[in-house]
PDB file of all heavy atoms in Angstrom:
ATOM      1  N   ALA A   1       0.909  -1.212  -0.010  1.00  0.00           N
ATOM      2  CA  ALA A   1       0.048   0.072   0.095  1.00  0.00           C
ATOM      3  C   ALA A   1       0.813   1.281  -0.043  1.00  0.00           C
ATOM      4  O   ALA A   1       1.927   1.352   0.587  1.00  0.00           O
ATOM      5  CB  ALA A   1      -0.856   0.036   1.193  1.00  0.00           C
ATOM      6  N   ARG A   2       0.458   2.329  -0.577  1.00  0.00           N
ATOM      7  CA  ARG A   2       1.174   3.627  -0.651  1.00  0.00           C
ATOM      8  C   ARG A   2       1.521   4.105   0.593  1.00  0.00           C
ATOM      9  O   ARG A   2       2.468   4.701   0.905  1.00  0.00           O
ATOM     10  CB  ARG A   2       0.358   4.460  -1.589  1.00  0.00           C
ATOM     11  CG  ARG A   2       0.380   4.188  -3.049  1.00  0.00           C
ATOM     12  CD  ARG A   2      -0.287   5.221  -3.923  1.00  0.00           C
ATOM     13  NE  ARG A   2      -0.411   4.721  -5.298  1.00  0.00           N
ATOM     14  CZ  ARG A   2      -1.484   4.314  -5.813  1.00  0.00           C
ATOM     15  NH1 ARG A   2      -2.596   4.355  -5.301  1.00  0.00           N
ATOM     16  NH2 ARG A   2      -1.507   3.873  -7.153  1.00  0.00           N
ATOM     17  N   ASP A   3       0.466   3.880   1.633  1.00  0.00           N
ATOM     18  CA  ASP A   3       0.712   4.422   2.904  1.00  0.00           C
ATOM     19  C   ASP A   3       1.541   3.499   3.827  1.00  0.00           C
ATOM     20  O   ASP A   3       1.751   3.765   5.001  1.00  0.00           O
ATOM     21  CB  ASP A   3      -0.629   4.757   3.614  1.00  0.00           C
ATOM     22  CG  ASP A   3      -1.475   3.414   3.843  1.00  0.00           C
ATOM     23  OD1 ASP A   3      -1.046   2.433   3.527  1.00  0.00           O
ATOM     24  OD2 ASP A   3      -2.630   3.678   4.348  1.00  0.00           O
ATOM     25  N   GLY A   4       1.887   2.395   3.144  1.00  0.00           N
ATOM     26  CA  GLY A   4       2.668   1.360   3.904  1.00  0.00           C
ATOM     27  C   GLY A   4       2.038   0.435   4.886  1.00  0.00           C
ATOM     28  O   GLY A   4       2.579  -0.369   5.559  1.00  0.00           O
ATOM     29  N   ASP A   5       0.593   0.379   4.727  1.00  0.00           N
ATOM     30  CA  ASP A   5      -0.148  -0.376   5.637  1.00  0.00           C
ATOM     31  C   ASP A   5      -0.818  -1.481   4.849  1.00  0.00           C
ATOM     32  O   ASP A   5      -1.911  -1.266   4.219  1.00  0.00           O
ATOM     33  CB  ASP A   5      -1.192   0.500   6.384  1.00  0.00           C
ATOM     34  CG  ASP A   5      -1.931  -0.231   7.470  1.00  0.00           C
ATOM     35  OD1 ASP A   5      -1.354  -1.221   8.032  1.00  0.00           O
ATOM     36  OD2 ASP A   5      -2.977   0.032   7.890  1.00  0.00           O
ATOM     37  N   GLY A   6      -0.244  -2.676   4.906  1.00  0.00           N
ATOM     38  CA  GLY A   6      -0.806  -3.851   4.164  1.00  0.00           C
ATOM     39  C   GLY A   6      -0.481  -3.863   2.637  1.00  0.00           C
ATOM     40  O   GLY A   6       0.432  -3.260   2.274  1.00  0.00           O
ATOM     41  N   LEU A   7      -1.487  -4.495   1.813  1.00  0.00           N
ATOM     42  CA  LEU A   7      -1.346  -4.611   0.531  1.00  0.00           C
ATOM     43  C   LEU A   7      -2.680  -3.980  -0.169  1.00  0.00           C
ATOM     44  O   LEU A   7      -3.640  -3.963   0.539  1.00  0.00           O
ATOM     45  CB  LEU A   7      -1.306  -6.055   0.071  1.00  0.00           C
ATOM     46  CG  LEU A   7      -0.174  -6.904   0.665  1.00  0.00           C
ATOM     47  CD1 LEU A   7      -0.162  -8.243   0.467  1.00  0.00           C
ATOM     48  CD2 LEU A   7       1.217  -6.309  -0.008  1.00  0.00           C
ATOM     49  N   GLU A   8      -2.470  -3.750  -1.415  1.00  0.00           N
ATOM     50  CA  GLU A   8      -3.686  -3.187  -2.219  1.00  0.00           C
ATOM     51  C   GLU A   8      -3.747  -4.226  -3.428  1.00  0.00           C
ATOM     52  O   GLU A   8      -2.756  -4.670  -4.030  1.00  0.00           O
ATOM     53  CB  GLU A   8      -3.398  -1.894  -2.784  1.00  0.00           C
ATOM     54  CG  GLU A   8      -3.367  -0.709  -1.670  1.00  0.00           C
ATOM     55  CD  GLU A   8      -2.925   0.576  -2.155  1.00  0.00           C
ATOM     56  OE1 GLU A   8      -2.160   0.651  -3.256  1.00  0.00           O
ATOM     57  OE2 GLU A   8      -3.419   1.519  -1.721  1.00  0.00           O
ATOM     58  N   LEU A   9      -4.960  -4.526  -3.793  1.00  0.00           N
ATOM     59  CA  LEU A   9      -5.334  -5.420  -4.902  1.00  0.00           C
ATOM     60  C   LEU A   9      -5.768  -4.547  -6.133  1.00  0.00           C
ATOM     61  O   LEU A   9      -6.720  -3.789  -5.949  1.00  0.00           O
ATOM     62  CB  LEU A   9      -6.338  -6.429  -4.592  1.00  0.00           C
ATOM     63  CG  LEU A   9      -6.800  -7.425  -5.643  1.00  0.00           C
ATOM     64  CD1 LEU A   9      -5.696  -8.342  -6.217  1.00  0.00           C
ATOM     65  CD2 LEU A   9      -8.053  -8.276  -5.231  1.00  0.00           C
ATOM     66  N   PHE A  10      -5.273  -4.822  -7.154  1.00  0.00           N
ATOM     67  CA  PHE A  10      -5.515  -3.955  -8.430  1.00  0.00           C
ATOM     68  C   PHE A  10      -6.008  -4.982  -9.546  1.00  0.00           C
ATOM     69  O   PHE A  10      -5.636  -6.111  -9.644  1.00  0.00           O
ATOM     70  CB  PHE A  10      -4.268  -3.237  -8.984  1.00  0.00           C
ATOM     71  CG  PHE A  10      -3.893  -2.177  -8.097  1.00  0.00           C
ATOM     72  CD1 PHE A  10      -3.074  -2.305  -7.048  1.00  0.00           C
ATOM     73  CD2 PHE A  10      -4.430  -0.769  -8.346  1.00  0.00           C
ATOM     74  CE1 PHE A  10      -2.655  -1.324  -6.234  1.00  0.00           C
ATOM     75  CE2 PHE A  10      -4.102   0.180  -7.503  1.00  0.00           C
ATOM     76  CZ  PHE A  10      -3.248  -0.059  -6.457  1.00  0.00           C
ATOM     77  N   ARG A  11      -6.906  -4.522 -10.432  1.00  0.00           N
ATOM     78  CA  ARG A  11      -7.265  -5.105 -11.618  1.00  0.00           C
ATOM     79  C   ARG A  11      -6.985  -4.290 -12.815  1.00  0.00           C
ATOM     80  O   ARG A  11      -7.170  -3.130 -12.844  1.00  0.00           O
ATOM     81  CB  ARG A  11      -8.912  -5.384 -11.622  1.00  0.00           C
ATOM     82  CG  ARG A  11      -9.444  -6.136 -12.723  1.00  0.00           C
ATOM     83  CD  ARG A  11     -11.019  -6.273 -12.655  1.00  0.00           C
ATOM     84  NE  ARG A  11     -11.491  -7.246 -13.453  1.00  0.00           N
ATOM     85  CZ  ARG A  11     -12.005  -6.932 -14.739  1.00  0.00           C
ATOM     86  NH1 ARG A  11     -11.776  -5.769 -15.190  1.00  0.00           N
ATOM     87  NH2 ARG A  11     -12.326  -7.876 -15.559  1.00  0.00           N
ATOM     88  N   ASN A  12      -6.511  -4.882 -13.834  1.00  0.00           N
ATOM     89  CA  ASN A  12      -6.061  -4.181 -15.017  1.00  0.00           C
ATOM     90  C   ASN A  12      -6.706  -4.857 -16.203  1.00  0.00           C
ATOM     91  O   ASN A  12      -6.690  -6.279 -16.272  1.00  0.00           O
ATOM     92  CB  ASN A  12      -4.546  -4.346 -15.185  1.00  0.00           C
ATOM     93  CG  ASN A  12      -4.066  -3.329 -16.392  1.00  0.00           C
ATOM     94  OD1 ASN A  12      -4.625  -2.374 -16.590  1.00  0.00           O
ATOM     95  ND2 ASN A  12      -2.852  -3.834 -16.845  1.00  0.00           N
ATOM     96  N   GLU A  13      -7.362  -4.268 -17.092  1.00  0.00           N
ATOM     97  CA  GLU A  13      -8.048  -4.803 -18.278  1.00  0.00           C
ATOM     98  C   GLU A  13      -7.657  -4.086 -19.562  1.00  0.00           C
ATOM     99  O   GLU A  13      -7.694  -2.928 -19.488  1.00  0.00           O
ATOM    100  CB  GLU A  13      -9.590  -4.877 -18.012  1.00  0.00           C
ATOM    101  CG  GLU A  13     -10.379  -5.420 -19.229  1.00  0.00           C
ATOM    102  CD  GLU A  13     -11.897  -5.483 -18.891  1.00  0.00           C
ATOM    103  OE1 GLU A  13     -12.359  -5.201 -17.681  1.00  0.00           O
ATOM    104  OE2 GLU A  13     -12.577  -5.708 -19.791  1.00  0.00           O
ATOM    105  N   ARG A  14      -7.555  -4.902 -20.583  1.00  0.00           N
ATOM    106  CA  ARG A  14      -7.296  -4.294 -21.835  1.00  0.00           C
ATOM    107  C   ARG A  14      -7.589  -5.193 -22.912  1.00  0.00           C
ATOM    108  O   ARG A  14      -7.408  -6.359 -22.851  1.00  0.00           O
ATOM    109  CB  ARG A  14      -5.837  -3.700 -22.122  1.00  0.00           C
ATOM    110  CG  ARG A  14      -4.866  -4.733 -22.205  1.00  0.00           C
ATOM    111  CD  ARG A  14      -3.472  -3.976 -22.634  1.00  0.00           C
ATOM    112  NE  ARG A  14      -2.442  -5.057 -22.645  1.00  0.00           N
ATOM    113  CZ  ARG A  14      -1.987  -5.718 -23.818  1.00  0.00           C
ATOM    114  NH1 ARG A  14      -2.641  -5.472 -24.960  1.00  0.00           N
ATOM    115  NH2 ARG A  14      -1.063  -6.602 -23.692  1.00  0.00           N
ATOM    116  N   MET A  15      -8.078  -4.736 -24.084  1.00  0.00           N
ATOM    117  CA  MET A  15      -8.388  -5.515 -25.198  1.00  0.00           C
ATOM    118  C   MET A  15      -7.056  -5.931 -25.828  1.00  0.00           C
ATOM    119  O   MET A  15      -6.089  -5.099 -25.883  1.00  0.00           O
ATOM    120  CB  MET A  15      -9.213  -4.761 -26.226  1.00  0.00           C
ATOM    121  CG  MET A  15     -10.559  -4.284 -25.693  1.00  0.00           C
ATOM    122  SD  MET A  15     -11.578  -5.629 -25.144  1.00  0.00           S
ATOM    123  CE  MET A  15     -12.053  -6.274 -26.800  1.00  0.00           C
ATOM    124  N   LEU A  16      -6.881  -7.052 -26.322  1.00  0.00           N
ATOM    125  CA  LEU A  16      -5.678  -7.521 -26.926  1.00  0.00           C
ATOM    126  C   LEU A  16      -5.216  -6.813 -28.154  1.00  0.00           C
ATOM    127  O   LEU A  16      -4.109  -6.666 -28.443  1.00  0.00           O
ATOM    128  CB  LEU A  16      -5.777  -9.012 -27.337  1.00  0.00           C
ATOM    129  CG  LEU A  16      -5.874  -9.943 -26.082  1.00  0.00           C
ATOM    130  CD1 LEU A  16      -6.057 -11.333 -26.720  1.00  0.00           C
ATOM    131  CD2 LEU A  16      -4.608  -9.904 -25.291  1.00  0.00           C
ATOM    132  N   GLN A  17      -6.207  -6.024 -28.797  1.00  0.00           N
ATOM    133  CA  GLN A  17      -5.897  -5.259 -30.122  1.00  0.00           C
ATOM    134  C   GLN A  17      -5.335  -3.856 -29.671  1.00  0.00           C
ATOM    135  O   GLN A  17      -4.942  -3.171 -30.504  1.00  0.00           O
ATOM    136  CB  GLN A  17      -7.145  -5.012 -30.852  1.00  0.00           C
ATOM    137  CG  GLN A  17      -7.693  -6.448 -31.472  1.00  0.00           C
ATOM    138  CD  GLN A  17      -8.560  -7.087 -30.419  1.00  0.00           C
ATOM    139  OE1 GLN A  17      -8.802  -6.711 -29.427  1.00  0.00           O
ATOM    140  NE2 GLN A  17      -9.017  -8.368 -30.837  1.00  0.00           N
ATOM    141  N   GLN A  18      -5.527  -3.420 -28.442  1.00  0.00           N
ATOM    142  CA  GLN A  18      -5.041  -2.072 -27.937  1.00  0.00           C
ATOM    143  C   GLN A  18      -3.518  -2.125 -27.649  1.00  0.00           C
ATOM    144  O   GLN A  18      -3.015  -3.111 -27.274  1.00  0.00           O
ATOM    145  CB  GLN A  18      -5.752  -1.642 -26.687  1.00  0.00           C
ATOM    146  CG  GLN A  18      -7.210  -1.261 -26.888  1.00  0.00           C
ATOM    147  CD  GLN A  18      -8.007  -0.928 -25.656  1.00  0.00           C
ATOM    148  OE1 GLN A  18      -7.523  -1.267 -24.602  1.00  0.00           O
ATOM    149  NE2 GLN A  18      -8.961  -0.157 -25.799  1.00  0.00           N
ATOM    150  N   ALA A  19      -3.035  -0.932 -27.872  1.00  0.00           N
ATOM    151  CA  ALA A  19      -1.495  -0.753 -27.539  1.00  0.00           C
ATOM    152  C   ALA A  19      -1.501  -0.889 -25.938  1.00  0.00           C
ATOM    153  O   ALA A  19      -2.438  -0.681 -25.104  1.00  0.00           O
ATOM    154  CB  ALA A  19      -1.132   0.637 -27.945  1.00  0.00           C
ATOM    155  N   ASP A  20      -0.310  -1.170 -25.511  1.00  0.00           N
ATOM    156  CA  ASP A  20       0.081  -1.516 -24.129  1.00  0.00           C
ATOM    157  C   ASP A  20      -0.242  -0.174 -23.157  1.00  0.00           C
ATOM    158  O   ASP A  20      -0.602  -0.305 -22.139  1.00  0.00           O
ATOM    159  CB  ASP A  20       1.526  -1.869 -23.883  1.00  0.00           C
ATOM    160  CG  ASP A  20       1.779  -3.274 -24.353  1.00  0.00           C
ATOM    161  OD1 ASP A  20       0.814  -3.992 -24.455  1.00  0.00           O
ATOM    162  OD2 ASP A  20       2.915  -3.657 -24.575  1.00  0.00           O
ATOM    163  N   ASP A  21      -0.222   0.980 -23.826  1.00  0.00           N
ATOM    164  CA  ASP A  21      -0.429   2.176 -23.053  1.00  0.00           C
ATOM    165  C   ASP A  21      -1.901   2.505 -22.672  1.00  0.00           C
ATOM    166  O   ASP A  21      -2.246   3.493 -22.093  1.00  0.00           O
ATOM    167  CB  ASP A  21       0.310   3.446 -23.659  1.00  0.00           C
ATOM    168  CG  ASP A  21      -0.304   3.660 -25.016  1.00  0.00           C
ATOM    169  OD1 ASP A  21      -1.039   2.878 -25.573  1.00  0.00           O
ATOM    170  OD2 ASP A  21       0.128   4.844 -25.683  1.00  0.00           O
ATOM    171  N   ALA A  22      -2.775   1.542 -23.177  1.00  0.00           N
ATOM    172  CA  ALA A  22      -4.199   1.845 -23.023  1.00  0.00           C
ATOM    173  C   ALA A  22      -4.765   1.048 -21.804  1.00  0.00           C
ATOM    174  O   ALA A  22      -5.991   0.978 -21.734  1.00  0.00           O
ATOM    175  CB  ALA A  22      -4.931   1.331 -24.319  1.00  0.00           C
ATOM    176  N   ASP A  23      -3.855   0.568 -20.950  1.00  0.00           N
ATOM    177  CA  ASP A  23      -4.403  -0.140 -19.771  1.00  0.00           C
ATOM    178  C   ASP A  23      -5.182   0.869 -18.800  1.00  0.00           C
ATOM    179  O   ASP A  23      -4.929   1.995 -18.741  1.00  0.00           O
ATOM    180  CB  ASP A  23      -3.062  -0.676 -18.922  1.00  0.00           C
ATOM    181  CG  ASP A  23      -2.360  -1.690 -19.636  1.00  0.00           C
ATOM    182  OD1 ASP A  23      -2.925  -2.151 -20.668  1.00  0.00           O
ATOM    183  OD2 ASP A  23      -1.236  -2.038 -19.212  1.00  0.00           O
ATOM    184  N   SER A  24      -5.991   0.110 -18.181  1.00  0.00           N
ATOM    185  CA  SER A  24      -6.902   0.948 -17.175  1.00  0.00           C
ATOM    186  C   SER A  24      -6.814   0.145 -15.855  1.00  0.00           C
ATOM    187  O   SER A  24      -7.579  -0.843 -15.670  1.00  0.00           O
ATOM    188  CB  SER A  24      -8.355   0.956 -17.685  1.00  0.00           C
ATOM    189  OG  SER A  24      -8.885  -0.278 -17.783  1.00  0.00           O
ATOM    190  N   GLU A  25      -5.840   0.651 -15.031  1.00  0.00           N
ATOM    191  CA  GLU A  25      -5.774  -0.050 -13.701  1.00  0.00           C
ATOM    192  C   GLU A  25      -6.850   0.415 -12.715  1.00  0.00           C
ATOM    193  O   GLU A  25      -7.103   1.574 -12.678  1.00  0.00           O
ATOM    194  CB  GLU A  25      -4.350   0.275 -13.107  1.00  0.00           C
ATOM    195  CG  GLU A  25      -4.079  -0.647 -11.870  1.00  0.00           C
ATOM    196  CD  GLU A  25      -2.591  -0.475 -11.512  1.00  0.00           C
ATOM    197  OE1 GLU A  25      -2.211   0.693 -10.989  1.00  0.00           O
ATOM    198  OE2 GLU A  25      -1.814  -1.317 -11.622  1.00  0.00           O
ATOM    199  N   GLN A  26      -7.395  -0.530 -12.017  1.00  0.00           N
ATOM    200  CA  GLN A  26      -8.486  -0.135 -11.059  1.00  0.00           C
ATOM    201  C   GLN A  26      -8.127  -0.799  -9.555  1.00  0.00           C
ATOM    202  O   GLN A  26      -7.865  -1.956  -9.468  1.00  0.00           O
ATOM    203  CB  GLN A  26      -9.700  -0.739 -11.515  1.00  0.00           C
ATOM    204  CG  GLN A  26     -10.933  -0.583 -10.653  1.00  0.00           C
ATOM    205  CD  GLN A  26     -12.212  -1.296 -11.343  1.00  0.00           C
ATOM    206  OE1 GLN A  26     -12.041  -2.094 -12.244  1.00  0.00           O
ATOM    207  NE2 GLN A  26     -13.288  -0.780 -10.839  1.00  0.00           N
ATOM    208  N   LEU A  27      -8.174  -0.006  -8.630  1.00  0.00           N
ATOM    209  CA  LEU A  27      -8.014  -0.475  -7.184  1.00  0.00           C
ATOM    210  C   LEU A  27      -9.293  -1.065  -6.907  1.00  0.00           C
ATOM    211  O   LEU A  27     -10.342  -0.604  -6.755  1.00  0.00           O
ATOM    212  CB  LEU A  27      -7.716   0.690  -6.159  1.00  0.00           C
ATOM    213  CG  LEU A  27      -7.620   0.321  -4.783  1.00  0.00           C
ATOM    214  CD1 LEU A  27      -6.384  -0.546  -4.592  1.00  0.00           C
ATOM    215  CD2 LEU A  27      -7.505   1.657  -3.953  1.00  0.00           C
ATOM    216  N   LEU A  28      -9.159  -2.526  -6.421  1.00  0.00           N
ATOM    217  CA  LEU A  28     -10.279  -3.297  -6.100  1.00  0.00           C
ATOM    218  C   LEU A  28     -10.386  -3.275  -4.522  1.00  0.00           C
ATOM    219  O   LEU A  28     -11.577  -3.362  -3.919  1.00  0.00           O
ATOM    220  CB  LEU A  28     -10.180  -4.630  -6.412  1.00  0.00           C
ATOM    221  CG  LEU A  28     -10.295  -4.956  -8.058  1.00  0.00           C
ATOM    222  CD1 LEU A  28     -10.173  -6.329  -8.394  1.00  0.00           C
ATOM    223  CD2 LEU A  28     -11.532  -4.342  -8.538  1.00  0.00           C
ATOM    224  N   MET A  29      -9.205  -3.352  -3.842  1.00  0.00           N
ATOM    225  CA  MET A  29      -9.278  -3.576  -2.450  1.00  0.00           C
ATOM    226  C   MET A  29      -8.092  -2.988  -1.706  1.00  0.00           C
ATOM    227  O   MET A  29      -7.017  -3.277  -2.318  1.00  0.00           O
ATOM    228  CB  MET A  29      -9.465  -5.057  -2.084  1.00  0.00           C
ATOM    229  CG  MET A  29      -9.801  -5.345  -0.776  1.00  0.00           C
ATOM    230  SD  MET A  29      -9.984  -7.190  -0.490  1.00  0.00           S
ATOM    231  CE  MET A  29     -11.426  -7.537  -1.382  1.00  0.00           C
ATOM    232  N   ALA A  30      -8.169  -2.392  -0.644  1.00  0.00           N
ATOM    233  CA  ALA A  30      -7.048  -1.871   0.135  1.00  0.00           C
ATOM    234  C   ALA A  30      -7.096  -2.486   1.501  1.00  0.00           C
ATOM    235  O   ALA A  30      -8.211  -3.041   1.894  1.00  0.00           O
ATOM    236  CB  ALA A  30      -7.086  -0.380   0.127  1.00  0.00           C
ATOM    237  N   GLY A  31      -6.027  -2.465   2.234  1.00  0.00           N
ATOM    238  CA  GLY A  31      -6.177  -3.115   3.710  1.00  0.00           C
ATOM    239  C   GLY A  31      -6.025  -4.565   3.719  1.00  0.00           C
ATOM    240  O   GLY A  31      -6.274  -5.065   4.734  1.00  0.00           O
ATOM    241  N   LEU A  32      -5.433  -5.112   2.592  1.00  0.00           N
ATOM    242  CA  LEU A  32      -5.176  -6.538   2.786  1.00  0.00           C
ATOM    243  C   LEU A  32      -3.992  -6.816   3.651  1.00  0.00           C
ATOM    244  O   LEU A  32      -3.052  -6.182   3.584  1.00  0.00           O
ATOM    245  CB  LEU A  32      -4.826  -7.063   1.339  1.00  0.00           C
ATOM    246  CG  LEU A  32      -5.981  -7.076   0.314  1.00  0.00           C
ATOM    247  CD1 LEU A  32      -5.418  -7.211  -1.083  1.00  0.00           C
ATOM    248  CD2 LEU A  32      -6.950  -8.115   0.643  1.00  0.00           C
ATOM    249  N   THR A  33      -4.202  -7.821   4.436  1.00  0.00           N
ATOM    250  CA  THR A  33      -3.062  -8.281   5.510  1.00  0.00           C
ATOM    251  C   THR A  33      -2.548  -9.554   4.972  1.00  0.00           C
ATOM    252  O   THR A  33      -1.557  -9.927   5.600  1.00  0.00           O
ATOM    253  CB  THR A  33      -3.570  -8.158   6.825  1.00  0.00           C
ATOM    254  OG1 THR A  33      -4.835  -9.126   6.978  1.00  0.00           O
ATOM    255  CG2 THR A  33      -4.065  -6.888   7.329  1.00  0.00           C
ATOM    256  N   ARG A  34      -3.182 -10.204   4.228  1.00  0.00           N
ATOM    257  CA  ARG A  34      -2.735 -11.592   3.890  1.00  0.00           C
ATOM    258  C   ARG A  34      -3.383 -12.060   2.464  1.00  0.00           C
ATOM    259  O   ARG A  34      -4.539 -11.786   2.223  1.00  0.00           O
ATOM    260  CB  ARG A  34      -3.244 -12.549   4.912  1.00  0.00           C
ATOM    261  CG  ARG A  34      -2.659 -13.984   4.710  1.00  0.00           C
ATOM    262  CD  ARG A  34      -3.002 -14.775   6.090  1.00  0.00           C
ATOM    263  NE  ARG A  34      -3.079 -16.157   5.772  1.00  0.00           N
ATOM    264  CZ  ARG A  34      -3.792 -17.031   6.589  1.00  0.00           C
ATOM    265  NH1 ARG A  34      -4.214 -16.577   7.598  1.00  0.00           N
ATOM    266  NH2 ARG A  34      -3.861 -18.273   6.223  1.00  0.00           N
ATOM    267  N   VAL A  35      -2.464 -12.526   1.641  1.00  0.00           N
ATOM    268  CA  VAL A  35      -2.856 -13.070   0.306  1.00  0.00           C
ATOM    269  C   VAL A  35      -2.283 -14.426   0.017  1.00  0.00           C
ATOM    270  O   VAL A  35      -0.972 -14.532   0.189  1.00  0.00           O
ATOM    271  CB  VAL A  35      -2.536 -11.983  -0.833  1.00  0.00           C
ATOM    272  CG1 VAL A  35      -2.776 -12.623  -2.157  1.00  0.00           C
ATOM    273  CG2 VAL A  35      -3.059 -10.695  -0.658  1.00  0.00           C
ATOM    274  N   GLU A  36      -2.976 -15.445  -0.291  1.00  0.00           N
ATOM    275  CA  GLU A  36      -2.520 -16.717  -0.538  1.00  0.00           C
ATOM    276  C   GLU A  36      -3.172 -17.216  -1.790  1.00  0.00           C
ATOM    277  O   GLU A  36      -4.467 -17.076  -2.045  1.00  0.00           O
ATOM    278  CB  GLU A  36      -2.780 -17.730   0.564  1.00  0.00           C
ATOM    279  CG  GLU A  36      -1.981 -17.311   1.831  1.00  0.00           C
ATOM    280  CD  GLU A  36      -2.362 -18.315   2.974  1.00  0.00           C
ATOM    281  OE1 GLU A  36      -3.056 -19.250   2.744  1.00  0.00           O
ATOM    282  OE2 GLU A  36      -1.967 -17.935   4.120  1.00  0.00           O
ATOM    283  N   LEU A  37      -2.315 -17.826  -2.602  1.00  0.00           N
ATOM    284  CA  LEU A  37      -2.896 -18.516  -3.882  1.00  0.00           C
ATOM    285  C   LEU A  37      -2.473 -19.972  -3.937  1.00  0.00           C
ATOM    286  O   LEU A  37      -1.377 -20.238  -3.512  1.00  0.00           O
ATOM    287  CB  LEU A  37      -2.280 -17.787  -5.258  1.00  0.00           C
ATOM    288  CG  LEU A  37      -2.594 -16.419  -5.380  1.00  0.00           C
ATOM    289  CD1 LEU A  37      -1.889 -15.844  -6.545  1.00  0.00           C
ATOM    290  CD2 LEU A  37      -4.138 -16.191  -5.624  1.00  0.00           C
ATOM    291  N   ARG A  38      -3.376 -20.876  -4.285  1.00  0.00           N
ATOM    292  CA  ARG A  38      -3.021 -22.142  -4.602  1.00  0.00           C
ATOM    293  C   ARG A  38      -3.572 -22.673  -5.830  1.00  0.00           C
ATOM    294  O   ARG A  38      -4.631 -22.161  -6.234  1.00  0.00           O
ATOM    295  CB  ARG A  38      -3.612 -23.104  -3.472  1.00  0.00           C
ATOM    296  CG  ARG A  38      -2.890 -22.839  -2.101  1.00  0.00           C
ATOM    297  CD  ARG A  38      -3.345 -23.917  -1.170  1.00  0.00           C
ATOM    298  NE  ARG A  38      -4.775 -24.295  -1.076  1.00  0.00           N
ATOM    299  CZ  ARG A  38      -5.168 -25.540  -0.533  1.00  0.00           C
ATOM    300  NH1 ARG A  38      -4.314 -26.284  -0.147  1.00  0.00           N
ATOM    301  NH2 ARG A  38      -6.343 -25.881  -0.596  1.00  0.00           N
ATOM    302  N   CYS A  39      -2.862 -23.577  -6.614  1.00  0.00           N
ATOM    303  CA  CYS A  39      -3.289 -24.085  -7.908  1.00  0.00           C
ATOM    304  C   CYS A  39      -3.545 -25.649  -7.736  1.00  0.00           C
ATOM    305  O   CYS A  39      -2.783 -26.344  -7.048  1.00  0.00           O
ATOM    306  CB  CYS A  39      -2.279 -23.769  -8.894  1.00  0.00           C
ATOM    307  SG  CYS A  39      -2.027 -22.022  -9.212  1.00  0.00           S
ATOM    308  N   PHE A  40      -4.576 -26.045  -8.332  1.00  0.00           N
ATOM    309  CA  PHE A  40      -4.880 -27.470  -8.302  1.00  0.00           C
ATOM    310  C   PHE A  40      -4.623 -28.178  -9.767  1.00  0.00           C
ATOM    311  O   PHE A  40      -5.143 -27.594 -10.787  1.00  0.00           O
ATOM    312  CB  PHE A  40      -6.412 -27.667  -8.037  1.00  0.00           C
ATOM    313  CG  PHE A  40      -6.743 -29.133  -7.819  1.00  0.00           C
ATOM    314  CD1 PHE A  40      -6.259 -29.931  -6.876  1.00  0.00           C
ATOM    315  CD2 PHE A  40      -7.635 -29.737  -8.763  1.00  0.00           C
ATOM    316  CE1 PHE A  40      -6.563 -31.161  -6.669  1.00  0.00           C
ATOM    317  CE2 PHE A  40      -8.012 -31.032  -8.621  1.00  0.00           C
ATOM    318  CZ  PHE A  40      -7.562 -31.783  -7.545  1.00  0.00           C
ATOM    319  N   ASP A  41      -3.767 -29.149  -9.803  1.00  0.00           N
ATOM    320  CA  ASP A  41      -3.470 -29.708 -11.140  1.00  0.00           C
ATOM    321  C   ASP A  41      -4.331 -30.930 -11.506  1.00  0.00           C
ATOM    322  O   ASP A  41      -4.041 -31.557 -12.445  1.00  0.00           O
ATOM    323  CB  ASP A  41      -2.012 -30.181 -11.052  1.00  0.00           C
ATOM    324  CG  ASP A  41      -1.582 -31.264 -10.085  1.00  0.00           C
ATOM    325  OD1 ASP A  41      -2.546 -31.753  -9.418  1.00  0.00           O
ATOM    326  OD2 ASP A  41      -0.445 -31.574  -9.852  1.00  0.00           O
ATOM    327  N   GLY A  42      -5.270 -31.188 -10.719  1.00  0.00           N
ATOM    328  CA  GLY A  42      -6.181 -32.337 -10.983  1.00  0.00           C
ATOM    329  C   GLY A  42      -5.938 -33.485  -9.874  1.00  0.00           C
ATOM    330  O   GLY A  42      -6.658 -34.392  -9.706  1.00  0.00           O
TER     331      GLY A  42
END
């Protein structure tokens, strides 16, 4: 986080036909204290 307190989650979306500079980043959530990801291979 910009204020140094936890983490912030962002979403970025762009059409594949658009140039890279056309990104639109959006803050989804602030104040995250924990983030975990797991993947299942079957």
